[in-house]
Amino acid sequence: MDELLGQVRGHLEAQSPHLLGLFGIMAGEARFARAWLDDELRRLPRAAPVLEVGGGVFLLACQLAREGFDVTAIEPVGMGFGSFDELGAAVLAVAAAKSAVPEVVRCTAEDFETEARFRLAFSVNVMEHIAAPDRAIASIAATLSPGGSYRFLCPNYLFPYEPHFNIPTFGSKALTWRLMRRRIEGEATVDDPTGLWQSLNWITVPQVRRYARSAGLLHPSFRRSTLTWMLERALSDPQFARRRARWMMSAIGAARMLGVLRLASAVPAVLQPIMDVSLTRRI
């Protein structure tokens, strides 16, 4: 991935230096997502069809295309993501010069239809922004080959913390807005904080289990060990850590000092702040 990231950075330095800050964040996220998916990708044959649900700025999709996978990426332009489209266009332009671009479909996950069948679908920090996650899961399930999986990572809003704004939550989205409105509207790290807030669907682990049952074809499996990995990332990735609340970083640091960080993996999935779930289509 270093080669692709270097090419994109060089392009931005020459053409769009105002995007370098966002690129730095997204490059870190792309590295993380590639490592997160590594086990699944190793099990796939070369040129296997894969689907990214929410391509973002397409760094990961372009990297997987460079690795030889047959990549399709769904990406509508949504609220709260003003600079993403510009950076995504730059990433695709750089990748096109190397003849390694995914097929980009400009639609929502709910409306995605194709005759293709994917061995793997995935998304990172996307599912919480989808307007109708039940419809999206049903739509994606219909595109999986038998035995294929949709794996996604997103917040679990049963845990009383909102990671985009680094704020506590108070039961419901509406009540949290009323109590934390000033903090939300004053968030300086995103282009459109109100739009970003409106995009959040407050998804939970029980909802995902219910959606999988409704789809009828899917078996859900939650990976509890990812929480420990994410906590360790917060301690080893300064850029990631800067986007976390100070109290959270203090708590994670204390857990490491006490030697209990790995116990996070013992917390039931329904009580964890994140969910890492694979929805596998039954054969």
Protein backbone atom coordinates (compact mmCIF):
# COMPACT_ATOMS: atom_id res chain seq x y z
CA MET A 1 0.00 0.00 0.00
CA ASP A 2 2.96 2.32 0.54
CA GLU A 3 3.44 2.71 -3.20
CA LEU A 4 -0.15 3.81 -3.82
CA LEU A 5 -0.16 6.18 -0.86
CA GLY A 6 3.11 7.74 -2.01
CA GLN A 7 1.73 8.30 -5.50
CA VAL A 8 -1.44 9.91 -4.17
CA ARG A 9 0.51 12.14 -1.78
CA GLY A 10 2.76 13.30 -4.59
CA HIS A 11 -0.25 14.14 -6.74
CA LEU A 12 -1.89 16.10 -3.93
CA GLU A 13 1.28 18.02 -3.10
CA ALA A 14 1.42 19.18 -6.71
CA GLN A 15 -2.27 19.65 -7.46
CA SER A 16 -4.39 19.86 -4.28
CA PRO A 17 -2.32 20.58 -1.16
CA HIS A 18 -5.46 21.62 0.75
CA LEU A 19 -6.45 17.94 0.81
CA LEU A 20 -3.27 16.68 2.46
CA GLY A 21 -4.71 16.83 5.98
CA LEU A 22 -7.72 14.71 5.06
CA PHE A 23 -5.49 12.40 3.05
CA GLY A 24 -3.29 11.78 6.09
CA ILE A 25 -6.31 10.66 8.10
CA MET A 26 -7.71 8.50 5.33
CA ALA A 27 -4.34 6.91 4.57
CA GLY A 28 -4.19 5.74 8.19
CA GLU A 29 -7.73 4.38 7.95
CA ALA A 30 -6.92 2.55 4.71
CA ARG A 31 -3.88 0.88 6.29
CA PHE A 32 -6.01 -0.17 9.24
CA ALA A 33 -8.80 -1.54 7.03
CA ARG A 34 -6.36 -3.52 4.87
CA ALA A 35 -4.91 -5.17 7.98
CA TRP A 36 -8.41 -5.76 9.38
CA LEU A 37 -9.41 -7.62 6.21
CA ASP A 38 -6.18 -9.54 5.74
CA ASP A 39 -7.43 -12.94 6.93
CA GLU A 40 -10.45 -12.85 4.62
CA LEU A 41 -8.44 -11.67 1.63
CA ARG A 42 -5.84 -14.41 2.08
CA ARG A 43 -8.58 -17.02 1.73
CA LEU A 44 -9.78 -15.64 -1.60
CA PRO A 45 -8.39 -16.69 -4.99
CA ARG A 46 -6.74 -14.13 -7.22
CA ALA A 47 -9.23 -11.94 -9.10
CA ALA A 48 -12.06 -12.88 -6.73
CA PRO A 49 -14.99 -10.42 -6.86
CA VAL A 50 -15.20 -8.24 -3.76
CA LEU A 51 -17.54 -5.40 -2.85
CA GLU A 52 -16.74 -2.36 -0.73
CA VAL A 53 -19.87 -0.82 0.72
CA GLY A 54 -19.01 2.84 1.11
CA GLY A 55 -15.80 3.35 -0.83
CA GLY A 56 -15.10 6.73 0.79
CA VAL A 57 -12.04 8.14 -0.95
CA PHE A 58 -11.33 4.75 -2.61
CA LEU A 59 -7.83 4.20 -1.21
CA LEU A 60 -8.60 0.66 -0.04
CA ALA A 61 -10.63 -0.20 -3.16
CA CYS A 62 -7.79 0.96 -5.42
CA GLN A 63 -5.23 -0.95 -3.36
CA LEU A 64 -7.23 -4.17 -3.66
CA ALA A 65 -7.59 -3.61 -7.41
CA ARG A 66 -3.78 -3.26 -7.59
CA GLU A 67 -3.53 -6.59 -5.77
CA GLY A 68 -5.59 -8.25 -8.48
CA PHE A 69 -9.05 -8.44 -6.93
CA ASP A 70 -12.12 -7.64 -9.01
CA VAL A 71 -13.37 -4.71 -6.94
CA THR A 72 -16.71 -2.93 -6.99
CA ALA A 73 -17.18 0.06 -4.67
CA ILE A 74 -20.53 1.63 -3.79
CA GLU A 75 -20.27 5.29 -2.83
CA PRO A 76 -22.99 7.93 -2.87
CA VAL A 77 -22.05 11.45 -1.89
CA GLY A 78 -23.63 12.02 1.51
CA MET A 79 -24.13 14.68 4.17
CA GLY A 80 -21.17 15.62 6.30
CA PHE A 81 -18.48 14.54 3.85
CA GLY A 82 -17.80 17.66 1.77
CA SER A 83 -14.11 17.09 0.93
CA PHE A 84 -14.36 13.36 0.39
CA ASP A 85 -15.60 13.59 -3.17
CA GLU A 86 -12.70 15.79 -4.25
CA LEU A 87 -10.12 13.54 -2.62
CA GLY A 88 -11.81 10.42 -4.00
CA ALA A 89 -11.62 11.82 -7.53
CA ALA A 90 -7.90 12.47 -7.08
CA VAL A 91 -7.30 8.94 -5.78
CA LEU A 92 -9.16 7.40 -8.73
CA ALA A 93 -7.20 9.56 -11.18
CA VAL A 94 -3.89 8.37 -9.73
CA ALA A 95 -5.03 4.73 -9.76
CA ALA A 96 -6.32 5.01 -13.34
CA ALA A 97 -2.82 5.96 -14.49
CA LYS A 98 -1.71 2.52 -13.25
CA SER A 99 -4.78 0.75 -14.73
CA ALA A 100 -5.92 -0.39 -11.28
CA VAL A 101 -9.29 1.14 -10.54
CA PRO A 102 -12.41 -0.40 -9.03
CA GLU A 103 -15.81 -0.22 -10.63
CA VAL A 104 -17.48 2.67 -8.84
CA VAL A 105 -21.27 2.59 -8.47
CA ARG A 106 -22.86 5.86 -7.35
CA CYS A 107 -25.85 4.64 -5.39
CA THR A 108 -26.87 3.87 -1.84
CA ALA A 109 -26.34 0.41 -0.38
CA GLU A 110 -30.11 0.07 -0.09
CA ASP A 111 -30.55 0.56 -3.85
CA PHE A 112 -27.58 -1.48 -5.06
CA GLU A 113 -28.49 -4.17 -7.57
CA THR A 114 -26.22 -6.30 -9.72
CA GLU A 115 -26.03 -9.70 -11.35
CA ALA A 116 -22.51 -10.13 -9.99
CA ARG A 117 -21.97 -12.36 -6.98
CA PHE A 118 -19.31 -11.46 -4.44
CA ARG A 119 -17.19 -13.73 -2.26
CA LEU A 120 -16.63 -10.89 0.18
CA ALA A 121 -18.36 -7.59 0.93
CA PHE A 122 -17.03 -5.23 3.56
CA SER A 123 -17.31 -1.77 5.06
CA VAL A 124 -15.53 0.20 7.78
CA ASN A 125 -17.39 2.93 9.68
CA VAL A 126 -20.11 3.08 7.04
CA MET A 127 -23.08 1.14 8.35
CA GLU A 128 -23.87 3.79 10.98
CA HIS A 129 -24.42 6.33 8.18
CA ILE A 130 -26.85 4.26 6.08
CA ALA A 131 -30.40 5.56 6.18
CA ALA A 132 -32.06 2.13 6.12
CA PRO A 133 -29.56 -0.47 7.38
CA ASP A 134 -32.11 -3.28 7.26
CA ARG A 135 -32.69 -2.68 3.54
CA ALA A 136 -28.96 -2.30 2.95
CA ILE A 137 -28.15 -5.63 4.59
CA ALA A 138 -30.88 -7.37 2.59
CA SER A 139 -29.60 -5.78 -0.62
CA ILE A 140 -25.99 -6.78 0.03
CA ALA A 141 -27.02 -10.30 1.08
CA ALA A 142 -28.64 -10.75 -2.32
CA THR A 143 -25.28 -10.08 -4.02
CA LEU A 144 -23.26 -12.62 -2.00
CA SER A 145 -22.36 -15.98 -3.44
CA PRO A 146 -23.27 -19.01 -1.26
CA GLY A 147 -20.82 -19.03 1.63
CA GLY A 148 -19.86 -15.41 0.96
CA SER A 149 -19.78 -12.88 3.79
CA TYR A 150 -20.46 -9.24 4.46
CA ARG A 151 -18.11 -8.06 7.19
CA PHE A 152 -18.48 -4.61 8.66
CA LEU A 153 -17.10 -2.56 11.51
CA CYS A 154 -19.13 0.25 13.05
CA PRO A 155 -20.16 1.71 16.42
CA ASN A 156 -22.62 -0.09 18.67
CA TYR A 157 -24.91 2.62 20.01
CA LEU A 158 -25.99 0.56 23.02
CA PHE A 159 -22.65 1.68 24.44
CA PRO A 160 -23.09 5.28 25.68
CA TYR A 161 -20.46 6.95 23.52
CA GLU A 162 -20.55 8.62 20.10
CA PRO A 163 -17.10 8.26 18.43
CA HIS A 164 -17.48 10.84 15.63
CA PHE A 165 -18.00 13.64 18.15
CA ASN A 166 -16.28 12.07 21.18
CA ILE A 167 -19.30 12.66 23.38
CA PRO A 168 -21.34 10.58 25.83
CA THR A 169 -24.80 9.56 24.71
CA PHE A 170 -28.00 9.61 26.73
CA GLY A 171 -30.25 6.76 25.66
CA SER A 172 -31.57 8.12 22.38
CA LYS A 173 -30.23 10.19 19.52
CA ALA A 174 -32.91 12.86 20.07
CA LEU A 175 -32.12 13.29 23.76
CA THR A 176 -28.37 13.33 23.09
CA TRP A 177 -28.91 16.08 20.52
CA ARG A 178 -30.88 18.18 22.99
CA LEU A 179 -28.25 17.81 25.70
CA MET A 180 -25.13 18.04 23.51
CA ARG A 181 -26.25 20.28 20.65
CA ARG A 182 -23.68 23.02 21.22
CA ARG A 183 -20.87 20.50 21.39
CA ILE A 184 -22.07 18.78 18.21
CA GLU A 185 -22.56 21.96 16.19
CA GLY A 186 -19.19 23.28 17.34
CA GLU A 187 -17.21 20.22 16.26
CA ALA A 188 -14.34 21.65 14.21
CA THR A 189 -12.86 18.40 12.89
CA VAL A 190 -15.57 17.78 10.24
CA ASP A 191 -16.84 19.91 7.35
CA ASP A 192 -20.52 19.67 8.23
CA PRO A 193 -21.12 18.56 11.84
CA THR A 194 -24.89 18.94 11.67
CA GLY A 195 -25.07 16.93 8.46
CA LEU A 196 -22.81 14.26 9.90
CA TRP A 197 -24.99 14.03 13.00
CA GLN A 198 -28.13 13.72 10.90
CA SER A 199 -26.54 10.86 8.94
CA LEU A 200 -26.10 8.68 12.04
CA ASN A 201 -28.68 5.90 12.38
CA TRP A 202 -27.90 4.77 15.98
CA ILE A 203 -27.38 1.12 14.97
CA THR A 204 -27.00 -1.56 17.67
CA VAL A 205 -25.93 -5.20 17.91
CA PRO A 206 -29.49 -6.46 18.57
CA GLN A 207 -30.70 -4.61 15.48
CA VAL A 208 -28.05 -6.30 13.33
CA ARG A 209 -29.07 -9.69 14.65
CA ARG A 210 -32.67 -8.88 13.82
CA TYR A 211 -31.78 -7.68 10.32
CA ALA A 212 -29.86 -10.91 9.67
CA ARG A 213 -32.87 -12.98 10.71
CA SER A 214 -35.16 -10.88 8.51
CA ALA A 215 -32.90 -11.36 5.49
CA GLY A 216 -33.35 -15.09 6.02
CA LEU A 217 -30.07 -16.06 4.36
CA LEU A 218 -27.50 -14.77 6.83
CA HIS A 219 -25.68 -16.12 9.85
CA PRO A 220 -24.21 -13.37 12.07
CA SER A 221 -20.90 -13.79 13.87
CA PHE A 222 -19.43 -11.06 16.11
CA ARG A 223 -15.67 -10.79 16.72
CA ARG A 224 -15.10 -9.57 20.25
CA SER A 225 -11.28 -9.55 19.94
CA THR A 226 -11.37 -6.54 17.60
CA LEU A 227 -12.05 -4.25 20.56
CA THR A 228 -8.68 -5.08 22.09
CA TRP A 229 -7.01 -4.50 18.73
CA MET A 230 -8.69 -1.09 18.44
CA LEU A 231 -7.63 -0.11 21.97
CA GLU A 232 -4.06 -1.12 21.21
CA ARG A 233 -4.22 0.93 18.02
CA ALA A 234 -5.18 3.99 20.06
CA LEU A 235 -1.94 3.58 22.01
CA SER A 236 0.30 3.00 18.99
CA ASP A 237 -1.20 5.32 16.33
CA PRO A 238 -0.76 8.99 17.34
CA GLN A 239 -3.03 10.28 14.58
CA PHE A 240 -5.82 7.92 15.59
CA ALA A 241 -5.29 8.84 19.24
CA ARG A 242 -5.64 12.56 18.51
CA ARG A 243 -9.19 11.94 17.31
CA ARG A 244 -10.18 10.30 20.61
CA ALA A 245 -11.30 12.08 23.77
CA ARG A 246 -8.60 12.73 26.37
CA TRP A 247 -10.50 10.89 29.08
CA MET A 248 -10.75 7.86 26.81
CA MET A 249 -7.02 7.83 26.09
CA SER A 250 -6.33 8.14 29.82
CA ALA A 251 -8.60 5.18 30.54
CA ILE A 252 -6.98 3.05 27.82
CA GLY A 253 -3.51 3.94 29.10
CA ALA A 254 -4.50 3.01 32.64
CA ALA A 255 -5.91 -0.32 31.44
CA ARG A 256 -2.60 -1.10 29.77
CA MET A 257 -0.62 -0.19 32.88
CA LEU A 258 -2.82 -2.47 34.95
CA GLY A 259 -2.41 -5.29 32.43
CA VAL A 260 -6.12 -5.67 31.79
CA LEU A 261 -6.39 -4.29 28.25
CA ARG A 262 -6.86 -7.72 26.70
CA LEU A 263 -9.78 -8.43 28.99
CA ALA A 264 -11.82 -6.16 26.70
CA SER A 265 -12.22 -9.13 24.37
CA ALA A 266 -14.20 -10.92 27.09
CA VAL A 267 -16.90 -8.23 27.07
CA PRO A 268 -20.07 -9.53 25.31
CA ALA A 269 -20.53 -8.09 21.83
CA VAL A 270 -23.79 -6.40 22.81
CA LEU A 271 -21.93 -4.30 25.43
CA GLN A 272 -18.88 -3.34 23.38
CA PRO A 273 -18.55 0.18 21.90
CA ILE A 274 -17.88 -1.26 18.44
CA MET A 275 -19.25 -4.17 16.50
CA ASP A 276 -17.20 -6.28 14.10
CA VAL A 277 -19.68 -8.62 12.47
CA SER A 278 -19.59 -11.08 9.61
CA LEU A 279 -22.93 -11.91 7.99
CA THR A 280 -22.37 -15.13 6.09
CA ARG A 281 -24.78 -16.30 3.41
CA ARG A 282 -25.86 -19.86 4.06
CA ILE A 283 -25.01 -22.40 1.38
